[in-house]
Amino acid sequence: MEEKKFTLFGTDLQKIPCFKKTFTISTYSGIAAGLGCFLITSRIKKSADVAVLTFAVTTVGYWFYCRYNWSKQYQLTQQMNSSLHNVMLNEGAKKESSDV
């Protein structure tokens, strides 16, 4: 069975870190804000404007927040991999010299 790919300009958007979570959160927040505004004011145009503005602001804000945290995690993972690689090389060198 083939997986459906969501591509835009030849880029698989599912492989971009934070993409799915950002748009899910911003969609739900936009809907909630629009509905809340409509229930309070009963104005359709104003509610739609609030929903779109909330969606846009949440998308940009959460995207930067998520990517910042992802970058920190990625750098930490790279440092840990490098340190682990160095330890493995040093331990291997120590064992070989003690075997002689």
PDB file of N, CA and C in Angstrom:
ATOM      1  N   MET A   1       0.843  -1.176   0.000  1.00  0.00           N
ATOM      2  CA  MET A   1       0.000   0.000   0.000  1.00  0.00           C
ATOM      3  C   MET A   1       0.891   1.244   0.000  1.00  0.00           C
ATOM      4  N   GLU A   2       0.573   2.183  -0.841  1.00  0.00           N
ATOM      5  CA  GLU A   2       1.391   3.379  -0.999  1.00  0.00           C
ATOM      6  C   GLU A   2       0.957   4.479  -0.040  1.00  0.00           C
ATOM      7  N   GLU A   3       1.938   5.169   0.534  1.00  0.00           N
ATOM      8  CA  GLU A   3       1.648   6.312   1.390  1.00  0.00           C
ATOM      9  C   GLU A   3       1.325   7.515   0.525  1.00  0.00           C
ATOM     10  N   LYS A   4       0.332   8.301   0.953  1.00  0.00           N
ATOM     11  CA  LYS A   4       0.028   9.531   0.246  1.00  0.00           C
ATOM     12  C   LYS A   4       1.022  10.594   0.696  1.00  0.00           C
ATOM     13  N   LYS A   5       1.610  11.269  -0.262  1.00  0.00           N
ATOM     14  CA  LYS A   5       2.563  12.323   0.061  1.00  0.00           C
ATOM     15  C   LYS A   5       1.917  13.670  -0.197  1.00  0.00           C
ATOM     16  N   PHE A   6       2.134  14.578   0.715  1.00  0.00           N
ATOM     17  CA  PHE A   6       1.631  15.937   0.587  1.00  0.00           C
ATOM     18  C   PHE A   6       2.795  16.800   0.126  1.00  0.00           C
ATOM     19  N   THR A   7       2.847  17.109  -1.173  1.00  0.00           N
ATOM     20  CA  THR A   7       3.981  17.844  -1.722  1.00  0.00           C
ATOM     21  C   THR A   7       3.552  19.224  -2.194  1.00  0.00           C
ATOM     22  N   LEU A   8       4.486  20.143  -2.098  1.00  0.00           N
ATOM     23  CA  LEU A   8       4.299  21.502  -2.590  1.00  0.00           C
ATOM     24  C   LEU A   8       5.609  21.924  -3.234  1.00  0.00           C
ATOM     25  N   PHE A   9       5.567  22.227  -4.509  1.00  0.00           N
ATOM     26  CA  PHE A   9       6.755  22.586  -5.283  1.00  0.00           C
ATOM     27  C   PHE A   9       7.828  21.503  -5.196  1.00  0.00           C
ATOM     28  N   GLY A  10       7.399  20.248  -5.187  1.00  0.00           N
ATOM     29  CA  GLY A  10       8.334  19.137  -5.170  1.00  0.00           C
ATOM     30  C   GLY A  10       8.909  18.799  -3.814  1.00  0.00           C
ATOM     31  N   THR A  11       8.459  19.470  -2.754  1.00  0.00           N
ATOM     32  CA  THR A  11       8.957  19.206  -1.404  1.00  0.00           C
ATOM     33  C   THR A  11       7.889  18.440  -0.633  1.00  0.00           C
ATOM     34  N   ASP A  12       8.286  17.325  -0.024  1.00  0.00           N
ATOM     35  CA  ASP A  12       7.360  16.565   0.804  1.00  0.00           C
ATOM     36  C   ASP A  12       7.211  17.286   2.144  1.00  0.00           C
ATOM     37  N   LEU A  13       6.054  17.878   2.367  1.00  0.00           N
ATOM     38  CA  LEU A  13       5.846  18.712   3.547  1.00  0.00           C
ATOM     39  C   LEU A  13       5.808  17.914   4.838  1.00  0.00           C
ATOM     40  N   GLN A  14       5.537  16.620   4.760  1.00  0.00           N
ATOM     41  CA  GLN A  14       5.507  15.803   5.963  1.00  0.00           C
ATOM     42  C   GLN A  14       6.897  15.584   6.545  1.00  0.00           C
ATOM     43  N   LYS A  15       7.932  15.796   5.750  1.00  0.00           N
ATOM     44  CA  LYS A  15       9.296  15.605   6.232  1.00  0.00           C
ATOM     45  C   LYS A  15       9.880  16.859   6.871  1.00  0.00           C
ATOM     46  N   ILE A  16       9.172  17.976   6.793  1.00  0.00           N
ATOM     47  CA  ILE A  16       9.651  19.224   7.397  1.00  0.00           C
ATOM     48  C   ILE A  16       9.318  19.180   8.887  1.00  0.00           C
ATOM     49  N   PRO A  17      10.337  19.336   9.750  1.00  0.00           N
ATOM     50  CA  PRO A  17      10.057  19.322  11.185  1.00  0.00           C
ATOM     51  C   PRO A  17       9.111  20.455  11.576  1.00  0.00           C
ATOM     52  N   CYS A  18       8.180  20.171  12.444  1.00  0.00           N
ATOM     53  CA  CYS A  18       7.225  21.136  13.014  1.00  0.00           C
ATOM     54  C   CYS A  18       6.085  21.521  12.079  1.00  0.00           C
ATOM     55  N   PHE A  19       6.060  21.047  10.845  1.00  0.00           N
ATOM     56  CA  PHE A  19       5.033  21.488   9.899  1.00  0.00           C
ATOM     57  C   PHE A  19       3.642  21.061  10.333  1.00  0.00           C
ATOM     58  N   LYS A  20       3.470  19.773  10.572  1.00  0.00           N
ATOM     59  CA  LYS A  20       2.149  19.246  10.887  1.00  0.00           C
ATOM     60  C   LYS A  20       1.610  19.816  12.200  1.00  0.00           C
ATOM     61  N   LYS A  21       2.453  19.827  13.210  1.00  0.00           N
ATOM     62  CA  LYS A  21       2.014  20.307  14.524  1.00  0.00           C
ATOM     63  C   LYS A  21       1.660  21.788  14.487  1.00  0.00           C
ATOM     64  N   THR A  22       2.454  22.580  13.782  1.00  0.00           N
ATOM     65  CA  THR A  22       2.201  24.014  13.691  1.00  0.00           C
ATOM     66  C   THR A  22       0.861  24.304  13.033  1.00  0.00           C
ATOM     67  N   PHE A  23       0.597  23.654  11.903  1.00  0.00           N
ATOM     68  CA  PHE A  23      -0.646  23.947  11.201  1.00  0.00           C
ATOM     69  C   PHE A  23      -1.856  23.347  11.889  1.00  0.00           C
ATOM     70  N   THR A  24      -1.682  22.259  12.605  1.00  0.00           N
ATOM     71  CA  THR A  24      -2.793  21.711  13.374  1.00  0.00           C
ATOM     72  C   THR A  24      -3.174  22.654  14.504  1.00  0.00           C
ATOM     73  N   ILE A  25      -2.188  23.104  15.248  1.00  0.00           N
ATOM     74  CA  ILE A  25      -2.456  24.001  16.380  1.00  0.00           C
ATOM     75  C   ILE A  25      -3.034  25.328  15.903  1.00  0.00           C
ATOM     76  N   SER A  26      -2.466  25.882  14.825  1.00  0.00           N
ATOM     77  CA  SER A  26      -2.959  27.177  14.358  1.00  0.00           C
ATOM     78  C   SER A  26      -4.363  27.073  13.752  1.00  0.00           C
ATOM     79  N   THR A  27      -4.682  25.948  13.115  1.00  0.00           N
ATOM     80  CA  THR A  27      -6.032  25.765  12.576  1.00  0.00           C
ATOM     81  C   THR A  27      -7.050  25.696  13.701  1.00  0.00           C
ATOM     82  N   TYR A  28      -6.765  24.900  14.708  1.00  0.00           N
ATOM     83  CA  TYR A  28      -7.694  24.795  15.834  1.00  0.00           C
ATOM     84  C   TYR A  28      -7.837  26.110  16.591  1.00  0.00           C
ATOM     85  N   SER A  29      -6.747  26.834  16.755  1.00  0.00           N
ATOM     86  CA  SER A  29      -6.846  28.106  17.469  1.00  0.00           C
ATOM     87  C   SER A  29      -7.622  29.139  16.654  1.00  0.00           C
ATOM     88  N   GLY A  30      -7.450  29.129  15.338  1.00  0.00           N
ATOM     89  CA  GLY A  30      -8.214  30.039  14.487  1.00  0.00           C
ATOM     90  C   GLY A  30      -9.704  29.748  14.530  1.00  0.00           C
ATOM     91  N   ILE A  31     -10.043  28.453  14.484  1.00  0.00           N
ATOM     92  CA  ILE A  31     -11.458  28.069  14.558  1.00  0.00           C
ATOM     93  C   ILE A  31     -12.041  28.458  15.913  1.00  0.00           C
ATOM     94  N   ALA A  32     -11.311  28.192  16.973  1.00  0.00           N
ATOM     95  CA  ALA A  32     -11.803  28.522  18.314  1.00  0.00           C
ATOM     96  C   ALA A  32     -11.980  30.029  18.486  1.00  0.00           C
ATOM     97  N   ALA A  33     -11.012  30.802  18.002  1.00  0.00           N
ATOM     98  CA  ALA A  33     -11.113  32.257  18.141  1.00  0.00           C
ATOM     99  C   ALA A  33     -12.265  32.808  17.305  1.00  0.00           C
ATOM    100  N   GLY A  34     -12.420  32.301  16.098  1.00  0.00           N
ATOM    101  CA  GLY A  34     -13.522  32.752  15.243  1.00  0.00           C
ATOM    102  C   GLY A  34     -14.873  32.405  15.836  1.00  0.00           C
ATOM    103  N   LEU A  35     -15.015  31.190  16.331  1.00  0.00           N
ATOM    104  CA  LEU A  35     -16.277  30.794  16.963  1.00  0.00           C
ATOM    105  C   LEU A  35     -16.548  31.599  18.224  1.00  0.00           C
ATOM    106  N   GLY A  36     -15.516  31.787  19.025  1.00  0.00           N
ATOM    107  CA  GLY A  36     -15.682  32.581  20.239  1.00  0.00           C
ATOM    108  C   GLY A  36     -16.098  34.008  19.939  1.00  0.00           C
ATOM    109  N   CYS A  37     -15.468  34.584  18.947  1.00  0.00           N
ATOM    110  CA  CYS A  37     -15.823  35.962  18.563  1.00  0.00           C
ATOM    111  C   CYS A  37     -17.252  36.024  18.022  1.00  0.00           C
ATOM    112  N   PHE A  38     -17.642  35.020  17.250  1.00  0.00           N
ATOM    113  CA  PHE A  38     -19.001  35.005  16.708  1.00  0.00           C
ATOM    114  C   PHE A  38     -20.034  34.851  17.826  1.00  0.00           C
ATOM    115  N   LEU A  39     -19.737  34.011  18.797  1.00  0.00           N
ATOM    116  CA  LEU A  39     -20.689  33.832  19.891  1.00  0.00           C
ATOM    117  C   LEU A  39     -20.839  35.090  20.737  1.00  0.00           C
ATOM    118  N   ILE A  40     -19.759  35.875  20.818  1.00  0.00           N
ATOM    119  CA  ILE A  40     -19.806  37.101  21.614  1.00  0.00           C
ATOM    120  C   ILE A  40     -20.441  38.249  20.845  1.00  0.00           C
ATOM    121  N   THR A  41     -20.044  38.442  19.557  1.00  0.00           N
ATOM    122  CA  THR A  41     -20.475  39.618  18.809  1.00  0.00           C
ATOM    123  C   THR A  41     -21.582  39.356  17.798  1.00  0.00           C
ATOM    124  N   SER A  42     -21.730  38.124  17.316  1.00  0.00           N
ATOM    125  CA  SER A  42     -22.694  37.751  16.271  1.00  0.00           C
ATOM    126  C   SER A  42     -22.420  38.475  14.951  1.00  0.00           C
ATOM    127  N   ARG A  43     -21.198  38.864  14.713  1.00  0.00           N
ATOM    128  CA  ARG A  43     -20.805  39.495  13.448  1.00  0.00           C
ATOM    129  C   ARG A  43     -19.941  38.510  12.666  1.00  0.00           C
ATOM    130  N   ILE A  44     -20.413  38.151  11.491  1.00  0.00           N
ATOM    131  CA  ILE A  44     -19.730  37.127  10.707  1.00  0.00           C
ATOM    132  C   ILE A  44     -18.396  37.635  10.173  1.00  0.00           C
ATOM    133  N   LYS A  45     -18.386  38.836   9.586  1.00  0.00           N
ATOM    134  CA  LYS A  45     -17.147  39.350   8.995  1.00  0.00           C
ATOM    135  C   LYS A  45     -16.067  39.542  10.055  1.00  0.00           C
ATOM    136  N   LYS A  46     -16.433  40.111  11.175  1.00  0.00           N
ATOM    137  CA  LYS A  46     -15.456  40.322  12.238  1.00  0.00           C
ATOM    138  C   LYS A  46     -14.940  38.982  12.767  1.00  0.00           C
ATOM    139  N   SER A  47     -15.812  38.002  12.883  1.00  0.00           N
ATOM    140  CA  SER A  47     -15.403  36.681  13.354  1.00  0.00           C
ATOM    141  C   SER A  47     -14.444  36.025  12.375  1.00  0.00           C
ATOM    142  N   ALA A  48     -14.715  36.160  11.086  1.00  0.00           N
ATOM    143  CA  ALA A  48     -13.820  35.589  10.073  1.00  0.00           C
ATOM    144  C   ALA A  48     -12.469  36.296  10.110  1.00  0.00           C
ATOM    145  N   ASP A  49     -12.476  37.607  10.275  1.00  0.00           N
ATOM    146  CA  ASP A  49     -11.221  38.353  10.367  1.00  0.00           C
ATOM    147  C   ASP A  49     -10.410  37.918  11.589  1.00  0.00           C
ATOM    148  N   VAL A  50     -11.077  37.751  12.712  1.00  0.00           N
ATOM    149  CA  VAL A  50     -10.401  37.311  13.927  1.00  0.00           C
ATOM    150  C   VAL A  50      -9.828  35.910  13.731  1.00  0.00           C
ATOM    151  N   ALA A  51     -10.593  35.024  13.082  1.00  0.00           N
ATOM    152  CA  ALA A  51     -10.136  33.650  12.862  1.00  0.00           C
ATOM    153  C   ALA A  51      -8.895  33.624  11.975  1.00  0.00           C
ATOM    154  N   VAL A  52      -8.908  34.380  10.895  1.00  0.00           N
ATOM    155  CA  VAL A  52      -7.762  34.398   9.976  1.00  0.00           C
ATOM    156  C   VAL A  52      -6.553  35.041  10.641  1.00  0.00           C
ATOM    157  N   LEU A  53      -6.757  36.133  11.351  1.00  0.00           N
ATOM    158  CA  LEU A  53      -5.652  36.788  12.040  1.00  0.00           C
ATOM    159  C   LEU A  53      -5.054  35.877  13.117  1.00  0.00           C
ATOM    160  N   THR A  54      -5.911  35.208  13.866  1.00  0.00           N
ATOM    161  CA  THR A  54      -5.421  34.284  14.896  1.00  0.00           C
ATOM    162  C   THR A  54      -4.652  33.135  14.266  1.00  0.00           C
ATOM    163  N   PHE A  55      -5.165  32.611  13.151  1.00  0.00           N
ATOM    164  CA  PHE A  55      -4.470  31.539  12.443  1.00  0.00           C
ATOM    165  C   PHE A  55      -3.083  31.997  12.010  1.00  0.00           C
ATOM    166  N   ALA A  56      -2.996  33.187  11.414  1.00  0.00           N
ATOM    167  CA  ALA A  56      -1.715  33.685  10.904  1.00  0.00           C
ATOM    168  C   ALA A  56      -0.719  33.940  12.030  1.00  0.00           C
ATOM    169  N   VAL A  57      -1.164  34.591  13.073  1.00  0.00           N
ATOM    170  CA  VAL A  57      -0.268  34.910  14.190  1.00  0.00           C
ATOM    171  C   VAL A  57       0.202  33.638  14.895  1.00  0.00           C
ATOM    172  N   THR A  58      -0.720  32.713  15.101  1.00  0.00           N
ATOM    173  CA  THR A  58      -0.359  31.461  15.758  1.00  0.00           C
ATOM    174  C   THR A  58       0.604  30.649  14.902  1.00  0.00           C
ATOM    175  N   THR A  59       0.372  30.627  13.597  1.00  0.00           N
ATOM    176  CA  THR A  59       1.257  29.884  12.693  1.00  0.00           C
ATOM    177  C   THR A  59       2.677  30.420  12.766  1.00  0.00           C
ATOM    178  N   VAL A  60       2.831  31.715  12.644  1.00  0.00           N
ATOM    179  CA  VAL A  60       4.168  32.314  12.665  1.00  0.00           C
ATOM    180  C   VAL A  60       4.818  32.141  14.041  1.00  0.00           C
ATOM    181  N   GLY A  61       4.066  32.438  15.082  1.00  0.00           N
ATOM    182  CA  GLY A  61       4.622  32.347  16.427  1.00  0.00           C
ATOM    183  C   GLY A  61       5.016  30.936  16.805  1.00  0.00           C
ATOM    184  N   TYR A  62       4.137  29.971  16.564  1.00  0.00           N
ATOM    185  CA  TYR A  62       4.440  28.601  16.947  1.00  0.00           C
ATOM    186  C   TYR A  62       5.515  27.998  16.054  1.00  0.00           C
ATOM    187  N   TRP A  63       5.565  28.418  14.788  1.00  0.00           N
ATOM    188  CA  TRP A  63       6.595  27.914  13.882  1.00  0.00           C
ATOM    189  C   TRP A  63       7.985  28.281  14.408  1.00  0.00           C
ATOM    190  N   PHE A  64       8.184  29.547  14.790  1.00  0.00           N
ATOM    191  CA  PHE A  64       9.477  29.969  15.320  1.00  0.00           C
ATOM    192  C   PHE A  64       9.794  29.274  16.642  1.00  0.00           C
ATOM    193  N   TYR A  65       8.808  29.142  17.504  1.00  0.00           N
ATOM    194  CA  TYR A  65       8.998  28.459  18.790  1.00  0.00           C
ATOM    195  C   TYR A  65       9.397  26.998  18.568  1.00  0.00           C
ATOM    196  N   CYS A  66       8.679  26.312  17.714  1.00  0.00           N
ATOM    197  CA  CYS A  66       8.946  24.891  17.464  1.00  0.00           C
ATOM    198  C   CYS A  66      10.295  24.690  16.776  1.00  0.00           C
ATOM    199  N   ARG A  67      10.608  25.514  15.796  1.00  0.00           N
ATOM    200  CA  ARG A  67      11.881  25.363  15.090  1.00  0.00           C
ATOM    201  C   ARG A  67      13.064  25.683  15.999  1.00  0.00           C
ATOM    202  N   TYR A  68      12.910  26.653  16.884  1.00  0.00           N
ATOM    203  CA  TYR A  68      13.971  26.974  17.830  1.00  0.00           C
ATOM    204  C   TYR A  68      14.248  25.771  18.732  1.00  0.00           C
ATOM    205  N   ASN A  69      13.173  25.197  19.281  1.00  0.00           N
ATOM    206  CA  ASN A  69      13.347  24.024  20.140  1.00  0.00           C
ATOM    207  C   ASN A  69      13.894  22.835  19.354  1.00  0.00           C
ATOM    208  N   TRP A  70      13.454  22.659  18.120  1.00  0.00           N
ATOM    209  CA  TRP A  70      13.955  21.570  17.291  1.00  0.00           C
ATOM    210  C   TRP A  70      15.446  21.750  17.015  1.00  0.00           C
ATOM    211  N   SER A  71      15.863  22.985  16.745  1.00  0.00           N
ATOM    212  CA  SER A  71      17.279  23.259  16.483  1.00  0.00           C
ATOM    213  C   SER A  71      18.128  22.961  17.711  1.00  0.00           C
ATOM    214  N   LYS A  72      17.640  23.355  18.890  1.00  0.00           N
ATOM    215  CA  LYS A  72      18.372  23.052  20.116  1.00  0.00           C
ATOM    216  C   LYS A  72      18.498  21.548  20.315  1.00  0.00           C
ATOM    217  N   GLN A  73      17.412  20.816  20.114  1.00  0.00           N
ATOM    218  CA  GLN A  73      17.442  19.363  20.250  1.00  0.00           C
ATOM    219  C   GLN A  73      18.385  18.731  19.229  1.00  0.00           C
ATOM    220  N   TYR A  74      18.358  19.228  18.000  1.00  0.00           N
ATOM    221  CA  TYR A  74      19.201  18.687  16.938  1.00  0.00           C
ATOM    222  C   TYR A  74      20.680  18.908  17.256  1.00  0.00           C
ATOM    223  N   GLN A  75      21.028  20.122  17.712  1.00  0.00           N
ATOM    224  CA  GLN A  75      22.420  20.410  18.068  1.00  0.00           C
ATOM    225  C   GLN A  75      22.874  19.549  19.242  1.00  0.00           C
ATOM    226  N   LEU A  76      22.017  19.379  20.229  1.00  0.00           N
ATOM    227  CA  LEU A  76      22.352  18.542  21.373  1.00  0.00           C
ATOM    228  C   LEU A  76      22.555  17.088  20.936  1.00  0.00           C
ATOM    229  N   THR A  77      21.717  16.617  20.051  1.00  0.00           N
ATOM    230  CA  THR A  77      21.853  15.252  19.544  1.00  0.00           C
ATOM    231  C   THR A  77      23.155  15.087  18.774  1.00  0.00           C
ATOM    232  N   GLN A  78      23.503  16.076  17.963  1.00  0.00           N
ATOM    233  CA  GLN A  78      24.757  16.009  17.208  1.00  0.00           C
ATOM    234  C   GLN A  78      25.961  16.005  18.156  1.00  0.00           C
ATOM    235  N   GLN A  79      25.916  16.824  19.207  1.00  0.00           N
ATOM    236  CA  GLN A  79      27.009  16.844  20.184  1.00  0.00           C
ATOM    237  C   GLN A  79      27.123  15.513  20.913  1.00  0.00           C
ATOM    238  N   MET A  80      25.984  14.938  21.271  1.00  0.00           N
ATOM    239  CA  MET A  80      26.002  13.642  21.955  1.00  0.00           C
ATOM    240  C   MET A  80      26.548  12.553  21.032  1.00  0.00           C
ATOM    241  N   ASN A  81      26.149  12.570  19.769  1.00  0.00           N
ATOM    242  CA  ASN A  81      26.665  11.583  18.822  1.00  0.00           C
ATOM    243  C   ASN A  81      28.171  11.728  18.645  1.00  0.00           C
ATOM    244  N   SER A  82      28.638  12.955  18.549  1.00  0.00           N
ATOM    245  CA  SER A  82      30.066  13.199  18.393  1.00  0.00           C
ATOM    246  C   SER A  82      30.831  12.737  19.632  1.00  0.00           C
ATOM    247  N   SER A  83      30.305  13.056  20.808  1.00  0.00           N
ATOM    248  CA  SER A  83      30.966  12.640  22.056  1.00  0.00           C
ATOM    249  C   SER A  83      30.979  11.126  22.181  1.00  0.00           C
ATOM    250  N   LEU A  84      29.883  10.499  21.852  1.00  0.00           N
ATOM    251  CA  LEU A  84      29.809   9.044  21.926  1.00  0.00           C
ATOM    252  C   LEU A  84      30.775   8.395  20.937  1.00  0.00           C
ATOM    253  N   HIS A  85      30.881   8.971  19.756  1.00  0.00           N
ATOM    254  CA  HIS A  85      31.823   8.464  18.756  1.00  0.00           C
ATOM    255  C   HIS A  85      33.261   8.575  19.266  1.00  0.00           C
ATOM    256  N   ASN A  86      33.598   9.715  19.868  1.00  0.00           N
ATOM    257  CA  ASN A  86      34.942   9.905  20.424  1.00  0.00           C
ATOM    258  C   ASN A  86      35.227   8.934  21.563  1.00  0.00           C
ATOM    259  N   VAL A  87      34.248   8.714  22.421  1.00  0.00           N
ATOM    260  CA  VAL A  87      34.432   7.769  23.528  1.00  0.00           C
ATOM    261  C   VAL A  87      34.656   6.366  22.985  1.00  0.00           C
ATOM    262  N   MET A  88      33.870   5.990  21.978  1.00  0.00           N
ATOM    263  CA  MET A  88      34.028   4.662  21.389  1.00  0.00           C
ATOM    264  C   MET A  88      35.410   4.503  20.766  1.00  0.00           C
ATOM    265  N   LEU A  89      35.902   5.539  20.096  1.00  0.00           N
ATOM    266  CA  LEU A  89      37.239   5.471  19.498  1.00  0.00           C
ATOM    267  C   LEU A  89      38.307   5.367  20.577  1.00  0.00           C
ATOM    268  N   ASN A  90      38.183   6.151  21.646  1.00  0.00           N
ATOM    269  CA  ASN A  90      39.168   6.127  22.733  1.00  0.00           C
ATOM    270  C   ASN A  90      39.138   4.802  23.482  1.00  0.00           C
ATOM    271  N   GLU A  91      37.981   4.279  23.762  1.00  0.00           N
ATOM    272  CA  GLU A  91      37.872   3.000  24.463  1.00  0.00           C
ATOM    273  C   GLU A  91      38.466   1.882  23.616  1.00  0.00           C
ATOM    274  N   GLY A  92      38.230   1.936  22.316  1.00  0.00           N
ATOM    275  CA  GLY A  92      38.800   0.925  21.427  1.00  0.00           C
ATOM    276  C   GLY A  92      40.306   0.997  21.413  1.00  0.00           C
ATOM    277  N   ALA A  93      40.871   2.208  21.447  1.00  0.00           N
ATOM    278  CA  ALA A  93      42.309   2.378  21.451  1.00  0.00           C
ATOM    279  C   ALA A  93      42.913   1.879  22.760  1.00  0.00           C
ATOM    280  N   LYS A  94      42.219   2.091  23.871  1.00  0.00           N
ATOM    281  CA  LYS A  94      42.710   1.642  25.162  1.00  0.00           C
ATOM    282  C   LYS A  94      42.718   0.119  25.244  1.00  0.00           C
ATOM    283  N   LYS A  95      41.687  -0.520  24.721  1.00  0.00           N
ATOM    284  CA  LYS A  95      41.610  -1.976  24.773  1.00  0.00           C
ATOM    285  C   LYS A  95      42.702  -2.598  23.913  1.00  0.00           C
ATOM    286  N   GLU A  96      42.932  -2.018  22.728  1.00  0.00           N
ATOM    287  CA  GLU A  96      43.953  -2.564  21.836  1.00  0.00           C
ATOM    288  C   GLU A  96      45.341  -2.430  22.440  1.00  0.00           C
ATOM    289  N   SER A  97      45.625  -1.310  23.106  1.00  0.00           N
ATOM    290  CA  SER A  97      46.949  -1.118  23.701  1.00  0.00           C
ATOM    291  C   SER A  97      47.140  -2.002  24.930  1.00  0.00           C
ATOM    292  N   SER A  98      46.058  -2.304  25.662  1.00  0.00           N
ATOM    293  CA  SER A  98      46.189  -3.156  26.846  1.00  0.00           C
ATOM    294  C   SER A  98      46.284  -4.626  26.466  1.00  0.00           C
ATOM    295  N   ASP A  99      45.805  -4.994  25.276  1.00  0.00           N
ATOM    296  CA  ASP A  99      45.878  -6.381  24.825  1.00  0.00           C
ATOM    297  C   ASP A  99      47.306  -6.772  24.435  1.00  0.00           C
ATOM    298  N   VAL A 100      48.132  -5.807  24.081  1.00  0.00           N
ATOM    299  CA  VAL A 100      49.477  -6.088  23.588  1.00  0.00           C
ATOM    300  C   VAL A 100      50.407  -6.456  24.680  1.00  0.00           C
TER     301      VAL A 100
END
